[in-house]
Amino acid sequence: MTETDCFVDKLYSEIIKILSTSPKTLRSNWEVGRILTKFDQLQAGSSYKALILKRLAIKLNSTFKEGYGEFNLKSMENFYKNFLDFEEVCPQLTWTHYSILGRIGNEFKRKKLFLECIENNRNSRWLRNQLKFNTINAVDSPTSTLIQIFLKVNQAFLSKEVDSIILNLSERSLCAQMMMYLRHELDISTFREYHVDVEYNRNDSKIKTIIDNDMKVIAITCDLIVHSRGQIIAQDNLLAVEMKKSTAKKEEKDKDRNRLIALTKDSYDDVWSFDGITLPEHVCGYLLGVYYEINVLNRSVLLEFYRKGKLDFEQKVAF
């Protein structure tokens, strides 16, 4: 028996154990996807992985007759990668929904459509039409591009700095490490002229704004920002990141969230100078704010994305 046959048989045995108890459920498809991520451990080219997937599909379909072809197996793998925490899977949606969502490469738009299907009870035909009419993978706005950049940064950060995270290094140290990955992604993007700064503040300034009907005074120092330092007038401020450990006090977390709400508001959107010196247009108008909460115990990160002074969407990522 060849090494390839042994690997196929190993995957087959693990999948059979799952399908023998609960075949063709969202949970079983998710579990199959988890097993298929073992492909990522192979030090081999895509053609070899495709061969293994093809042989596995033949073996499974000989047992279950249908439903486990190469396309479906790849969809299950994408399903697991898109929802690493099964608790985030909504039982209201069908497997067809999740199969279509897995074909959407843009994570931001995939998340938006996922929420749209849940909140407005969209069927799988509606979702398929979004893909068919090319409304999903259209040219991204600058904000969508920023989201994609940050998701790549997060993936690299969690992959390469996991030891530092588990050692529970300070937020300042972790932000400094994240800064390197952010700088790299910006350098190969349309935002290469922008600067990345840690704990940057213009003259230790503050602003006033209204949050939840209350006037708040917000210190504008952020853990990590991307901006032009006043050089690109049309869009000076791009990205603001606040990092917190899950063990931090609630009031500290809320301060960070309120800061992102304030900084992502337009400079003319109920934001005023607190000291009479620093003008809101110099510190607000960020295209994107990211609240980044690390849970070392559960080995997960909570991402909250803020746009135009509001929480836009959130997601959890395991590491």
Foldseek 3Di string as FASTA:
>chain_A
DDPLVVVLVVLLVVLCVLCVVPNPDLVSLLVNLVSLCCLVVDPDDPVSSLVSLQVSQVVVCVVVVDDRHSLSSVLSVLLCQLCVDCVPDDNLAHSLLSSLLSVQPQNVLSVVVVVVCVVVVDHSVVSVVCVVVVVRVPDDDLLSVVVVLVVVLVVCLCVPVVVVVLVVDDPLVSLVVSLVSSQVSCCPDPNNQKDKDAQDADVQFWKWAADPNDIDIAGQGAGMFIANQPPDLVQGGAEGEHEEEPPDDPVVLVNLLQNQLLQQAQQPHRMGGPVVPDRSNVRHNYQKYWYWYAYSVQQKIKIWIDHNNDTDDIDMDHD
